[in-house]
PDB file of N, CA and C in Angstrom:
ATOM      1  N   UNK A   1       0.389  -1.054   0.130  1.00  0.00           N
ATOM      2  CA  UNK A   1      -0.135  -0.008  -0.188  1.00  0.00           C
ATOM      3  C   UNK A   1       0.885   1.198   0.053  1.00  0.00           C
ATOM      4  N   UNK A   2       2.031   1.231   1.009  1.00  0.00           N
ATOM      5  CA  UNK A   2       2.339   2.748   0.774  1.00  0.00           C
ATOM      6  C   UNK A   2       3.943   2.748  -0.791  1.00  0.00           C
ATOM      7  N   UNK A   3       3.986   1.639  -1.518  1.00  0.00           N
ATOM      8  CA  UNK A   3       4.847   1.824  -2.733  1.00  0.00           C
ATOM      9  C   UNK A   3       3.770   2.483  -3.612  1.00  0.00           C
ATOM     10  N   UNK A   4       2.069   2.275  -3.585  1.00  0.00           N
ATOM     11  CA  UNK A   4       0.888   2.622  -4.415  1.00  0.00           C
ATOM     12  C   UNK A   4       1.052   4.069  -3.831  1.00  0.00           C
ATOM     13  N   UNK A   5       0.562   4.199  -2.422  1.00  0.00           N
ATOM     14  CA  UNK A   5       0.733   6.272  -2.345  1.00  0.00           C
ATOM     15  C   UNK A   5       1.918   6.991  -3.144  1.00  0.00           C
ATOM     16  N   UNK A   6       3.165   6.435  -2.717  1.00  0.00           N
ATOM     17  CA  UNK A   6       4.186   7.166  -3.182  1.00  0.00           C
ATOM     18  C   UNK A   6       4.032   6.998  -4.891  1.00  0.00           C
ATOM     19  N   UNK A   7       4.132   6.221  -5.321  1.00  0.00           N
ATOM     20  CA  UNK A   7       3.897   6.263  -6.547  1.00  0.00           C
ATOM     21  C   UNK A   7       2.651   7.252  -7.220  1.00  0.00           C
ATOM     22  N   UNK A   8       1.156   7.308  -6.797  1.00  0.00           N
ATOM     23  CA  UNK A   8       0.754   8.110  -6.604  1.00  0.00           C
ATOM     24  C   UNK A   8       0.658   9.934  -6.664  1.00  0.00           C
ATOM     25  N   UNK A   9       1.678   9.791  -5.375  1.00  0.00           N
ATOM     26  CA  UNK A   9       2.023  11.343  -4.969  1.00  0.00           C
ATOM     27  C   UNK A   9       3.175  11.677  -6.077  1.00  0.00           C
ATOM     28  N   UNK A  10       4.177  10.775  -6.525  1.00  0.00           N
ATOM     29  CA  UNK A  10       5.235  11.329  -7.474  1.00  0.00           C
ATOM     30  C   UNK A  10       3.894  11.693  -8.791  1.00  0.00           C
ATOM     31  N   UNK A  11       3.364  11.085  -9.234  1.00  0.00           N
ATOM     32  CA  UNK A  11       2.470  11.068 -10.013  1.00  0.00           C
ATOM     33  C   UNK A  11       1.740  12.435 -10.499  1.00  0.00           C
ATOM     34  N   UNK A  12       1.287  13.058  -9.313  1.00  0.00           N
ATOM     35  CA  UNK A  12       0.752  14.124  -8.995  1.00  0.00           C
ATOM     36  C   UNK A  12       1.924  15.211  -8.705  1.00  0.00           C
ATOM     37  N   UNK A  13       2.954  14.686  -8.186  1.00  0.00           N
ATOM     38  CA  UNK A  13       4.128  15.937  -8.686  1.00  0.00           C
ATOM     39  C   UNK A  13       4.108  16.095  -9.657  1.00  0.00           C
ATOM     40  N   UNK A  14       4.491  15.250 -10.931  1.00  0.00           N
ATOM     41  CA  UNK A  14       4.628  15.495 -11.755  1.00  0.00           C
ATOM     42  C   UNK A  14       4.058  16.452 -12.631  1.00  0.00           C
ATOM     43  N   UNK A  15       2.941  15.637 -12.515  1.00  0.00           N
ATOM     44  CA  UNK A  15       1.652  16.285 -13.178  1.00  0.00           C
ATOM     45  C   UNK A  15       1.259  17.515 -13.001  1.00  0.00           C
ATOM     46  N   UNK A  16       1.611  18.012 -11.514  1.00  0.00           N
ATOM     47  CA  UNK A  16       1.588  19.553 -11.715  1.00  0.00           C
ATOM     48  C   UNK A  16       2.495  20.242 -11.791  1.00  0.00           C
ATOM     49  N   UNK A  17       3.838  19.733 -12.153  1.00  0.00           N
ATOM     50  CA  UNK A  17       4.993  20.192 -12.089  1.00  0.00           C
ATOM     51  C   UNK A  17       4.642  20.733 -14.363  1.00  0.00           C
ATOM     52  N   UNK A  18       4.058  19.882 -14.641  1.00  0.00           N
ATOM     53  CA  UNK A  18       3.835  19.915 -16.044  1.00  0.00           C
ATOM     54  C   UNK A  18       3.018  21.147 -16.385  1.00  0.00           C
ATOM     55  N   UNK A  19       1.846  21.048 -15.393  1.00  0.00           N
ATOM     56  CA  UNK A  19       0.898  21.934 -15.561  1.00  0.00           C
ATOM     57  C   UNK A  19       1.545  23.528 -15.177  1.00  0.00           C
ATOM     58  N   UNK A  20       2.329  23.882 -14.279  1.00  0.00           N
ATOM     59  CA  UNK A  20       2.898  24.909 -13.906  1.00  0.00           C
ATOM     60  C   UNK A  20       4.129  25.495 -15.083  1.00  0.00           C
ATOM     61  N   UNK A  21       4.609  24.208 -15.662  1.00  0.00           N
ATOM     62  CA  UNK A  21       5.315  24.977 -16.909  1.00  0.00           C
ATOM     63  C   UNK A  21       4.712  25.010 -17.984  1.00  0.00           C
ATOM     64  N   UNK A  22       3.720  24.405 -18.864  1.00  0.00           N
ATOM     65  CA  UNK A  22       2.617  24.882 -19.683  1.00  0.00           C
ATOM     66  C   UNK A  22       1.976  26.153 -19.294  1.00  0.00           C
ATOM     67  N   UNK A  23       1.742  26.506 -18.036  1.00  0.00           N
ATOM     68  CA  UNK A  23       1.314  28.108 -17.799  1.00  0.00           C
ATOM     69  C   UNK A  23       2.143  28.795 -18.264  1.00  0.00           C
ATOM     70  N   UNK A  24       3.326  29.074 -18.034  1.00  0.00           N
ATOM     71  CA  UNK A  24       4.249  29.800 -17.998  1.00  0.00           C
ATOM     72  C   UNK A  24       4.963  29.849 -19.559  1.00  0.00           C
ATOM     73  N   UNK A  25       4.588  28.551 -20.417  1.00  0.00           N
ATOM     74  CA  UNK A  25       4.781  28.408 -21.521  1.00  0.00           C
ATOM     75  C   UNK A  25       3.907  29.251 -22.633  1.00  0.00           C
ATOM     76  N   UNK A  26       2.714  29.160 -21.916  1.00  0.00           N
ATOM     77  CA  UNK A  26       1.380  29.736 -23.019  1.00  0.00           C
ATOM     78  C   UNK A  26       1.331  28.752 -23.679  1.00  0.00           C
ATOM     79  N   UNK A  27       0.776  27.390 -23.039  1.00  0.00           N
ATOM     80  CA  UNK A  27      -0.047  26.103 -23.740  1.00  0.00           C
ATOM     81  C   UNK A  27      -1.225  26.810 -22.627  1.00  0.00           C
ATOM     82  N   UNK A  28      -2.158  25.925 -24.107  1.00  0.00           N
ATOM     83  CA  UNK A  28      -3.533  26.394 -23.331  1.00  0.00           C
ATOM     84  C   UNK A  28      -4.462  25.145 -22.759  1.00  0.00           C
ATOM     85  N   UNK A  29      -3.691  24.788 -21.629  1.00  0.00           N
ATOM     86  CA  UNK A  29      -4.082  23.715 -21.387  1.00  0.00           C
ATOM     87  C   UNK A  29      -5.231  24.148 -20.471  1.00  0.00           C
ATOM     88  N   UNK A  30      -6.349  23.566 -20.581  1.00  0.00           N
ATOM     89  CA  UNK A  30      -7.885  24.076 -19.861  1.00  0.00           C
ATOM     90  C   UNK A  30      -8.513  24.804 -21.100  1.00  0.00           C
ATOM     91  N   UNK A  31      -7.956  25.452 -21.933  1.00  0.00           N
ATOM     92  CA  UNK A  31      -8.547  26.123 -22.720  1.00  0.00           C
ATOM     93  C   UNK A  31      -8.511  26.276 -24.440  1.00  0.00           C
ATOM     94  N   UNK A  32      -8.753  24.727 -24.621  1.00  0.00           N
ATOM     95  CA  UNK A  32      -8.615  24.244 -26.078  1.00  0.00           C
ATOM     96  C   UNK A  32      -9.852  24.630 -26.829  1.00  0.00           C
ATOM     97  N   UNK A  33      -9.536  24.604 -27.561  1.00  0.00           N
ATOM     98  CA  UNK A  33     -11.316  24.870 -28.805  1.00  0.00           C
ATOM     99  C   UNK A  33     -12.160  23.981 -28.568  1.00  0.00           C
ATOM    100  N   UNK A  34     -12.881  24.303 -27.868  1.00  0.00           N
ATOM    101  CA  UNK A  34     -14.245  23.237 -27.789  1.00  0.00           C
ATOM    102  C   UNK A  34     -15.028  23.002 -26.166  1.00  0.00           C
ATOM    103  N   UNK A  35     -13.844  23.517 -25.539  1.00  0.00           N
ATOM    104  CA  UNK A  35     -14.226  23.860 -24.137  1.00  0.00           C
ATOM    105  C   UNK A  35     -15.260  24.594 -23.578  1.00  0.00           C
ATOM    106  N   UNK A  36     -16.542  24.491 -23.244  1.00  0.00           N
ATOM    107  CA  UNK A  36     -17.398  25.391 -23.208  1.00  0.00           C
ATOM    108  C   UNK A  36     -17.275  26.142 -22.066  1.00  0.00           C
ATOM    109  N   UNK A  37     -17.806  27.665 -22.274  1.00  0.00           N
ATOM    110  CA  UNK A  37     -17.328  28.345 -21.175  1.00  0.00           C
ATOM    111  C   UNK A  37     -18.577  29.890 -21.186  1.00  0.00           C
ATOM    112  N   UNK A  38     -20.022  29.627 -20.565  1.00  0.00           N
ATOM    113  CA  UNK A  38     -21.051  30.457 -20.103  1.00  0.00           C
ATOM    114  C   UNK A  38     -20.979  31.615 -19.622  1.00  0.00           C
ATOM    115  N   UNK A  39     -20.495  32.477 -19.538  1.00  0.00           N
ATOM    116  CA  UNK A  39     -20.463  34.108 -19.072  1.00  0.00           C
ATOM    117  C   UNK A  39     -22.334  34.244 -18.479  1.00  0.00           C
ATOM    118  N   UNK A  40     -22.648  34.085 -17.687  1.00  0.00           N
ATOM    119  CA  UNK A  40     -23.576  35.279 -17.414  1.00  0.00           C
ATOM    120  C   UNK A  40     -23.731  36.725 -16.631  1.00  0.00           C
ATOM    121  N   UNK A  41     -24.543  37.133 -16.358  1.00  0.00           N
ATOM    122  CA  UNK A  41     -24.094  38.230 -15.177  1.00  0.00           C
ATOM    123  C   UNK A  41     -23.555  37.845 -14.461  1.00  0.00           C
ATOM    124  N   UNK A  42     -24.158  36.787 -13.180  1.00  0.00           N
ATOM    125  CA  UNK A  42     -23.005  36.865 -11.972  1.00  0.00           C
ATOM    126  C   UNK A  42     -22.964  35.373 -11.656  1.00  0.00           C
ATOM    127  N   UNK A  43     -22.386  34.610 -12.950  1.00  0.00           N
ATOM    128  CA  UNK A  43     -22.229  32.857 -12.614  1.00  0.00           C
ATOM    129  C   UNK A  43     -21.320  33.093 -14.009  1.00  0.00           C
ATOM    130  N   UNK A  44     -20.494  31.678 -14.016  1.00  0.00           N
ATOM    131  CA  UNK A  44     -19.423  31.812 -15.018  1.00  0.00           C
ATOM    132  C   UNK A  44     -19.366  30.104 -14.602  1.00  0.00           C
ATOM    133  N   UNK A  45     -19.687  29.691 -15.806  1.00  0.00           N
ATOM    134  CA  UNK A  45     -19.581  28.037 -15.605  1.00  0.00           C
ATOM    135  C   UNK A  45     -18.653  27.614 -16.681  1.00  0.00           C
ATOM    136  N   UNK A  46     -17.988  26.709 -16.510  1.00  0.00           N
ATOM    137  CA  UNK A  46     -16.695  26.620 -17.170  1.00  0.00           C
ATOM    138  C   UNK A  46     -16.167  24.707 -17.357  1.00  0.00           C
ATOM    139  N   UNK A  47     -16.371  24.198 -18.735  1.00  0.00           N
ATOM    140  CA  UNK A  47     -16.750  22.794 -18.134  1.00  0.00           C
ATOM    141  C   UNK A  47     -15.858  22.858 -19.784  1.00  0.00           C
ATOM    142  N   UNK A  48     -14.717  21.982 -19.043  1.00  0.00           N
ATOM    143  CA  UNK A  48     -13.278  21.676 -20.111  1.00  0.00           C
ATOM    144  C   UNK A  48     -13.520  20.821 -20.718  1.00  0.00           C
ATOM    145  N   UNK A  49     -14.592  20.715 -22.385  1.00  0.00           N
ATOM    146  CA  UNK A  49     -14.982  19.121 -22.821  1.00  0.00           C
ATOM    147  C   UNK A  49     -14.012  18.755 -23.260  1.00  0.00           C
ATOM    148  N   UNK A  50     -13.416  19.483 -24.730  1.00  0.00           N
ATOM    149  CA  UNK A  50     -11.938  18.903 -25.058  1.00  0.00           C
ATOM    150  C   UNK A  50     -10.475  18.445 -24.825  1.00  0.00           C
ATOM    151  N   UNK A  51     -10.521  18.919 -22.978  1.00  0.00           N
ATOM    152  CA  UNK A  51      -9.901  19.001 -22.962  1.00  0.00           C
ATOM    153  C   UNK A  51      -9.292  17.786 -21.807  1.00  0.00           C
ATOM    154  N   UNK A  52     -10.399  17.224 -21.403  1.00  0.00           N
ATOM    155  CA  UNK A  52     -10.818  16.087 -20.851  1.00  0.00           C
ATOM    156  C   UNK A  52     -10.878  14.792 -21.941  1.00  0.00           C
ATOM    157  N   UNK A  53     -11.488  15.213 -22.860  1.00  0.00           N
ATOM    158  CA  UNK A  53     -11.375  14.027 -23.800  1.00  0.00           C
ATOM    159  C   UNK A  53      -9.512  13.953 -24.581  1.00  0.00           C
ATOM    160  N   UNK A  54      -9.323  14.622 -24.351  1.00  0.00           N
ATOM    161  CA  UNK A  54      -7.431  14.799 -24.754  1.00  0.00           C
ATOM    162  C   UNK A  54      -7.193  13.990 -23.014  1.00  0.00           C
ATOM    163  N   UNK A  55      -7.404  14.914 -22.378  1.00  0.00           N
ATOM    164  CA  UNK A  55      -6.223  13.695 -21.153  1.00  0.00           C
ATOM    165  C   UNK A  55      -6.774  12.622 -20.462  1.00  0.00           C
ATOM    166  N   UNK A  56      -7.971  12.255 -21.186  1.00  0.00           N
ATOM    167  CA  UNK A  56      -8.635  10.872 -21.233  1.00  0.00           C
ATOM    168  C   UNK A  56      -8.106  10.205 -22.009  1.00  0.00           C
ATOM    169  N   UNK A  57      -7.509  10.184 -23.327  1.00  0.00           N
ATOM    170  CA  UNK A  57      -6.910   9.541 -24.220  1.00  0.00           C
ATOM    171  C   UNK A  57      -5.082   9.649 -23.776  1.00  0.00           C
ATOM    172  N   UNK A  58      -4.635  10.313 -23.321  1.00  0.00           N
ATOM    173  CA  UNK A  58      -3.268  10.740 -23.232  1.00  0.00           C
ATOM    174  C   UNK A  58      -2.713   9.630 -21.868  1.00  0.00           C
ATOM    175  N   UNK A  59      -3.950   9.564 -21.035  1.00  0.00           N
ATOM    176  CA  UNK A  59      -3.993   8.736 -19.968  1.00  0.00           C
ATOM    177  C   UNK A  59      -4.353   7.176 -20.466  1.00  0.00           C
ATOM    178  N   UNK A  60      -5.022   6.832 -21.248  1.00  0.00           N
ATOM    179  CA  UNK A  60      -5.129   5.570 -21.492  1.00  0.00           C
ATOM    180  C   UNK A  60      -4.219   4.926 -22.778  1.00  0.00           C
ATOM    181  N   UNK A  61      -3.433   6.161 -23.164  1.00  0.00           N
ATOM    182  CA  UNK A  61      -2.436   5.514 -23.793  1.00  0.00           C
ATOM    183  C   UNK A  61      -0.848   4.803 -23.139  1.00  0.00           C
ATOM    184  N   UNK A  62      -0.639   5.636 -22.168  1.00  0.00           N
ATOM    185  CA  UNK A  62       0.259   5.488 -20.931  1.00  0.00           C
ATOM    186  C   UNK A  62      -0.129   4.195 -20.391  1.00  0.00           C
ATOM    187  N   UNK A  63      -1.484   3.815 -19.380  1.00  0.00           N
ATOM    188  CA  UNK A  63      -1.881   2.608 -19.102  1.00  0.00           C
ATOM    189  C   UNK A  63      -1.659   1.734 -19.578  1.00  0.00           C
ATOM    190  N   UNK A  64      -2.286   1.754 -20.981  1.00  0.00           N
ATOM    191  CA  UNK A  64      -1.474   1.137 -21.982  1.00  0.00           C
ATOM    192  C   UNK A  64      -0.135   0.382 -22.236  1.00  0.00           C
ATOM    193  N   UNK A  65       0.168   1.342 -22.147  1.00  0.00           N
ATOM    194  CA  UNK A  65       2.195   0.875 -22.442  1.00  0.00           C
ATOM    195  C   UNK A  65       2.677   0.700 -21.413  1.00  0.00           C
ATOM    196  N   UNK A  66       2.481   0.994 -20.559  1.00  0.00           N
ATOM    197  CA  UNK A  66       2.952   0.735 -18.870  1.00  0.00           C
ATOM    198  C   UNK A  66       2.379  -1.205 -18.672  1.00  0.00           C
ATOM    199  N   UNK A  67       0.966  -1.171 -19.166  1.00  0.00           N
ATOM    200  CA  UNK A  67       0.609  -2.252 -19.383  1.00  0.00           C
ATOM    201  C   UNK A  67       1.170  -3.628 -20.144  1.00  0.00           C
ATOM    202  N   UNK A  68       1.832  -2.699 -20.960  1.00  0.00           N
ATOM    203  CA  UNK A  68       2.395  -3.719 -21.831  1.00  0.00           C
ATOM    204  C   UNK A  68       3.804  -4.034 -22.136  1.00  0.00           C
ATOM    205  N   UNK A  69       4.727  -3.122 -21.506  1.00  0.00           N
ATOM    206  CA  UNK A  69       5.695  -3.616 -20.823  1.00  0.00           C
ATOM    207  C   UNK A  69       6.475  -4.048 -19.603  1.00  0.00           C
ATOM    208  N   UNK A  70       4.984  -4.386 -18.836  1.00  0.00           N
ATOM    209  CA  UNK A  70       5.324  -5.519 -17.380  1.00  0.00           C
ATOM    210  C   UNK A  70       5.252  -6.731 -17.703  1.00  0.00           C
ATOM    211  N   UNK A  71       4.615  -7.225 -18.860  1.00  0.00           N
ATOM    212  CA  UNK A  71       4.860  -8.224 -19.672  1.00  0.00           C
ATOM    213  C   UNK A  71       6.369  -9.107 -19.385  1.00  0.00           C
TER     214      UNK A  71
END
């Protein structure tokens, strides 16, 4: 259980660093074309539709490759 927690923590750390670097390099993570933004008078609703799909595809490929090389 401890190894799993360390692995998940490491993954979150790397993901956070990637997001910080992408923000400084002006890469539009979370603001891709197709993401839904509704701005009303007193509220803003934001749903990163395309970003969610892209993230899902990337994570699927990573998990597939890890599973493929573990054999």
